[in-house]
């Protein structure tokens, strides 16, 4: 009730007023849930892409005809669901990224599993490279080898150069499907399991040993010595496998 001066009474709410307030809160909750659902769907459908900044809170509030407080609650929920990240003074950014089947398998493949596949594949890549690589291809392989040898014990640089060397070797096979398969193997190196492992695995001593094997592989391929090149490649990959087990 109101006093004669028109001000709201401070008397406790009646039962009916409390029920009405509860209903209002329920409606607010439903509104929040509705906005969460709509924004989540936009993110999952790619309308707001990975690392894209969402519209400002006031713009979202205007669009959905709700208060900025409701929008803040919505963003908190989306952040708890690992769909967005709120950065003070900058805005809210989409952190959800839909993975393709290829990215999913790469993200769950362990370094040991990757090397197992390489052991099965790369000896045949060597055979095909010896049979099919041109002089120009071998020159590209030699350049990739030099990049490996010039890393100076730097694990990050060597990891990149090593990937490039083996990718160049796959290209030398002249088998497009083989090269495509090896690109999928290289994807594994971009995910967290390999990134956390390589700092421990790629010590300066191991880098030197791997580079000696790389040079021996290159020289055997350049000389078209199939049996020797395949043998060195197998020894190289089994050594990497054993080093991973030790690490």
Protein backbone atom coordinates (compact mmCIF):
# COMPACT_ATOMS: atom_id res chain seq x y z
CA UNK A 1 0.00 0.00 0.00
CA UNK A 2 1.00 3.65 -0.39
CA UNK A 3 0.97 6.51 2.17
CA UNK A 4 -0.94 9.68 1.37
CA UNK A 5 2.31 11.32 0.23
CA UNK A 6 2.53 8.75 -2.57
CA UNK A 7 5.65 6.95 -1.29
CA UNK A 8 5.86 3.17 -1.22
CA UNK A 9 5.15 1.65 2.18
CA UNK A 10 7.97 -0.20 3.88
CA UNK A 11 5.51 -2.70 5.38
CA UNK A 12 6.28 -6.40 4.79
CA UNK A 13 4.88 -7.85 1.61
CA UNK A 14 1.59 -9.72 1.78
CA UNK A 15 1.41 -13.39 0.80
CA UNK A 16 0.05 -12.47 -2.61
CA UNK A 17 2.90 -10.01 -3.14
CA UNK A 18 5.46 -12.67 -2.24
CA UNK A 19 3.86 -15.09 -4.70
CA UNK A 20 3.93 -12.41 -7.41
CA UNK A 21 7.60 -11.70 -6.68
CA UNK A 22 8.38 -15.43 -6.96
CA UNK A 23 6.58 -15.57 -10.30
CA UNK A 24 8.60 -12.56 -11.49
CA UNK A 25 11.84 -14.32 -10.51
CA UNK A 26 10.72 -17.43 -12.40
CA UNK A 27 10.07 -15.33 -15.47
CA UNK A 28 13.51 -13.77 -15.18
CA UNK A 29 15.04 -17.23 -14.92
CA UNK A 30 13.17 -18.33 -18.01
CA UNK A 31 14.37 -15.25 -19.87
CA UNK A 32 17.98 -15.94 -18.89
CA UNK A 33 17.66 -19.55 -20.02
CA UNK A 34 16.14 -18.44 -23.31
CA UNK A 35 18.97 -16.01 -24.03
CA UNK A 36 21.56 -18.65 -23.07
CA UNK A 37 19.97 -21.09 -25.50
CA UNK A 38 19.90 -18.59 -28.35
CA UNK A 39 23.50 -17.44 -27.89
CA UNK A 40 24.75 -20.99 -27.39
CA UNK A 41 23.06 -22.07 -30.64
CA UNK A 42 24.66 -19.17 -32.50
CA UNK A 43 28.08 -20.23 -31.24
CA UNK A 44 27.58 -23.93 -31.98
CA UNK A 45 26.24 -23.14 -35.45
CA UNK A 46 29.27 -20.97 -36.18
CA UNK A 47 27.40 -17.66 -36.44
CA UNK A 48 29.86 -16.44 -33.82
CA UNK A 49 33.15 -18.00 -34.88
CA UNK A 50 36.09 -19.18 -32.80
CA UNK A 51 37.95 -16.22 -31.19
CA UNK A 52 35.32 -13.76 -32.45
CA UNK A 53 34.24 -11.07 -29.99
CA UNK A 54 30.57 -11.09 -29.06
CA UNK A 55 28.57 -7.86 -29.29
CA UNK A 56 28.87 -5.58 -26.27
CA UNK A 57 26.63 -6.27 -23.28
CA UNK A 58 24.44 -3.22 -23.96
CA UNK A 59 23.88 -4.31 -27.56
CA UNK A 60 22.93 -7.82 -26.49
CA UNK A 61 20.63 -6.37 -23.82
CA UNK A 62 18.89 -4.24 -26.45
CA UNK A 63 18.61 -7.11 -28.90
CA UNK A 64 17.05 -9.51 -26.40
CA UNK A 65 15.13 -6.77 -24.55
CA UNK A 66 16.61 -7.72 -21.18
CA UNK A 67 18.75 -5.96 -18.59
CA UNK A 68 22.54 -5.87 -18.75
CA UNK A 69 22.52 -7.81 -15.48
CA UNK A 70 20.70 -10.63 -17.26
CA UNK A 71 23.25 -10.55 -20.07
CA UNK A 72 26.08 -10.78 -17.54
CA UNK A 73 24.40 -13.83 -16.00
CA UNK A 74 24.05 -15.35 -19.47
CA UNK A 75 27.73 -14.80 -20.24
CA UNK A 76 28.72 -16.34 -16.91
CA UNK A 77 26.75 -19.47 -17.83
CA UNK A 78 28.31 -19.63 -21.30
CA UNK A 79 31.75 -19.21 -19.76
CA UNK A 80 31.05 -22.07 -17.33
CA UNK A 81 30.15 -24.17 -20.38
CA UNK A 82 33.55 -23.34 -21.95
CA UNK A 83 31.92 -21.60 -24.88
CA UNK A 84 33.23 -18.08 -24.23
CA UNK A 85 35.93 -16.29 -22.28
CA UNK A 86 35.36 -12.87 -20.73
CA UNK A 87 38.33 -10.51 -20.71
CA UNK A 88 38.10 -7.43 -18.53
CA UNK A 89 38.34 -4.26 -20.55
CA UNK A 90 38.30 -6.12 -23.85
CA UNK A 91 35.08 -8.07 -24.20
CA UNK A 92 33.74 -11.61 -24.46
CA UNK A 93 35.32 -13.97 -26.98
CA UNK A 94 34.18 -17.30 -28.38
CA UNK A 95 36.41 -20.15 -27.21
CA UNK A 96 34.37 -22.98 -28.69
CA UNK A 97 35.87 -24.51 -31.81
CA UNK A 98 34.15 -27.34 -33.61
CA UNK A 99 36.66 -30.03 -34.45
CA UNK A 100 36.54 -32.00 -37.65
CA UNK A 101 36.95 -35.76 -37.46
CA UNK A 102 40.53 -35.26 -38.59
CA UNK A 103 41.26 -32.81 -35.78
CA UNK A 104 39.52 -35.01 -33.24
CA UNK A 105 41.68 -38.05 -34.02
CA UNK A 106 44.80 -35.87 -34.06
CA UNK A 107 43.97 -34.44 -30.65
CA UNK A 108 43.56 -37.87 -29.00
CA UNK A 109 46.48 -39.64 -30.69
CA UNK A 110 49.47 -40.12 -28.42
CA UNK A 111 53.07 -39.54 -29.56
CA UNK A 112 53.71 -43.29 -29.27
CA UNK A 113 50.73 -44.08 -31.49
CA UNK A 114 52.00 -41.53 -34.00
CA UNK A 115 55.43 -43.17 -34.13
CA UNK A 116 53.83 -46.62 -34.51
CA UNK A 117 52.10 -45.38 -37.65
CA UNK A 118 55.31 -43.81 -38.91
CA UNK A 119 57.14 -47.12 -38.44
CA UNK A 120 54.53 -48.77 -40.65
CA UNK A 121 54.52 -46.02 -43.29
CA UNK A 122 57.91 -44.36 -43.70
CA UNK A 123 59.98 -47.33 -44.87
CA UNK A 124 57.62 -47.54 -47.87
CA UNK A 125 57.94 -43.77 -48.37
CA UNK A 126 61.71 -44.29 -48.58
CA UNK A 127 61.29 -47.02 -51.21
CA UNK A 128 59.02 -44.82 -53.31
CA UNK A 129 61.30 -41.81 -52.94
CA UNK A 130 64.27 -43.79 -54.23
CA UNK A 131 62.21 -44.99 -57.18
CA UNK A 132 60.51 -41.71 -58.06
CA UNK A 133 62.34 -38.65 -56.71
CA UNK A 134 63.94 -36.31 -59.25
CA UNK A 135 67.24 -34.51 -58.74
CA UNK A 136 65.26 -31.39 -57.88
CA UNK A 137 63.28 -33.32 -55.26
CA UNK A 138 66.49 -34.58 -53.70
CA UNK A 139 67.84 -31.02 -53.62
CA UNK A 140 64.74 -29.96 -51.66
CA UNK A 141 65.32 -32.86 -49.28
CA UNK A 142 68.94 -31.78 -48.83
CA UNK A 143 67.78 -28.24 -47.97
CA UNK A 144 65.33 -29.62 -45.42
CA UNK A 145 68.16 -31.67 -43.91
CA UNK A 146 70.30 -28.55 -43.54
CA UNK A 147 67.47 -26.82 -41.70
CA UNK A 148 67.48 -29.70 -39.21
CA UNK A 149 71.24 -29.51 -38.79
CA UNK A 150 71.22 -25.74 -38.21
CA UNK A 151 68.86 -25.79 -35.23
CA UNK A 152 71.66 -25.64 -32.68
CA UNK A 153 69.94 -27.88 -30.15
CA UNK A 154 66.78 -25.74 -30.07
CA UNK A 155 63.90 -28.18 -29.51
CA UNK A 156 61.21 -25.95 -31.04
CA UNK A 157 63.20 -25.16 -34.16
CA UNK A 158 64.21 -28.78 -34.58
CA UNK A 159 60.62 -30.00 -34.21
CA UNK A 160 59.54 -27.75 -37.07
CA UNK A 161 62.53 -28.64 -39.23
CA UNK A 162 62.13 -32.36 -38.53
CA UNK A 163 58.49 -32.23 -39.62
CA UNK A 164 59.52 -30.40 -42.79
CA UNK A 165 62.23 -32.98 -43.56
CA UNK A 166 59.88 -35.94 -43.30
CA UNK A 167 57.13 -34.09 -45.18
CA UNK A 168 59.61 -33.36 -47.98
CA UNK A 169 60.52 -37.04 -48.02
CA UNK A 170 56.84 -37.94 -48.35
CA UNK A 171 56.61 -35.51 -51.27
CA UNK A 172 59.55 -37.29 -52.86
CA UNK A 173 57.47 -40.47 -52.98
CA UNK A 174 55.35 -38.86 -55.74
CA UNK A 175 52.36 -40.64 -54.28
CA UNK A 176 49.71 -38.02 -53.56
CA UNK A 177 47.75 -40.24 -51.19
CA UNK A 178 50.91 -41.13 -49.28
CA UNK A 179 51.73 -37.45 -48.95
CA UNK A 180 48.17 -36.70 -47.76
CA UNK A 181 48.37 -39.48 -45.15
CA UNK A 182 51.67 -38.11 -43.87
CA UNK A 183 50.13 -34.65 -43.54
CA UNK A 184 47.55 -36.22 -41.22
CA UNK A 185 50.36 -37.73 -39.16
CA UNK A 186 52.02 -34.33 -38.90
CA UNK A 187 48.77 -32.87 -37.54
CA UNK A 188 49.37 -34.83 -34.33
CA UNK A 189 52.43 -32.71 -33.59
CA UNK A 190 50.25 -29.61 -33.30
CA UNK A 191 48.28 -30.90 -30.34
CA UNK A 192 48.97 -30.79 -26.62
CA UNK A 193 50.27 -34.33 -26.03
CA UNK A 194 53.15 -33.87 -28.47
CA UNK A 195 53.82 -30.26 -27.43
CA UNK A 196 54.21 -31.28 -23.79
CA UNK A 197 56.42 -34.22 -24.71
CA UNK A 198 58.86 -32.67 -27.17
CA UNK A 199 60.57 -30.39 -24.64
CA UNK A 200 61.57 -33.48 -22.65
CA UNK A 201 62.31 -35.68 -25.66
CA UNK A 202 64.30 -33.29 -27.84
CA UNK A 203 67.45 -32.80 -25.82
CA UNK A 204 70.52 -31.41 -27.64
CA UNK A 205 72.11 -34.88 -27.50
CA UNK A 206 69.11 -36.56 -29.11
CA UNK A 207 68.81 -33.83 -31.71
CA UNK A 208 72.43 -34.48 -32.73
CA UNK A 209 71.79 -38.23 -32.92
CA UNK A 210 68.60 -37.76 -34.97
CA UNK A 211 70.40 -35.46 -37.37
CA UNK A 212 73.15 -38.03 -37.96
CA UNK A 213 70.42 -40.49 -38.88
CA UNK A 214 68.69 -37.92 -41.08
CA UNK A 215 71.91 -37.35 -43.01
CA UNK A 216 72.48 -41.08 -43.39
CA UNK A 217 68.91 -41.50 -44.69
CA UNK A 218 69.39 -38.68 -47.18
CA UNK A 219 72.72 -39.98 -48.46
CA UNK A 220 71.36 -43.51 -48.91
CA UNK A 221 68.33 -42.16 -50.80
CA UNK A 222 70.48 -39.89 -52.96
CA UNK A 223 72.69 -42.90 -53.80
CA UNK A 224 69.53 -44.95 -54.55
CA UNK A 225 70.51 -47.60 -52.00
CA UNK A 226 67.07 -48.91 -51.10
CA UNK A 227 67.96 -51.62 -48.59
CA UNK A 228 70.35 -49.36 -46.67
CA UNK A 229 67.95 -46.40 -46.62
CA UNK A 230 65.03 -48.51 -45.40
CA UNK A 231 67.21 -50.06 -42.69
CA UNK A 232 68.38 -46.67 -41.42
CA UNK A 233 64.84 -45.30 -41.42
CA UNK A 234 63.58 -48.25 -39.38
CA UNK A 235 66.44 -47.84 -36.92
CA UNK A 236 65.71 -44.10 -36.68
CA UNK A 237 62.00 -44.56 -35.96
CA UNK A 238 62.44 -47.43 -33.51
CA UNK A 239 64.98 -45.26 -31.71
CA UNK A 240 62.46 -42.41 -31.44
CA UNK A 241 59.92 -44.92 -30.11
CA UNK A 242 62.34 -46.13 -27.44
CA UNK A 243 63.26 -42.55 -26.51
CA UNK A 244 59.58 -41.74 -26.02
CA UNK A 245 59.20 -44.71 -23.70
CA UNK A 246 62.18 -43.52 -21.66
CA UNK A 247 60.80 -39.97 -21.53
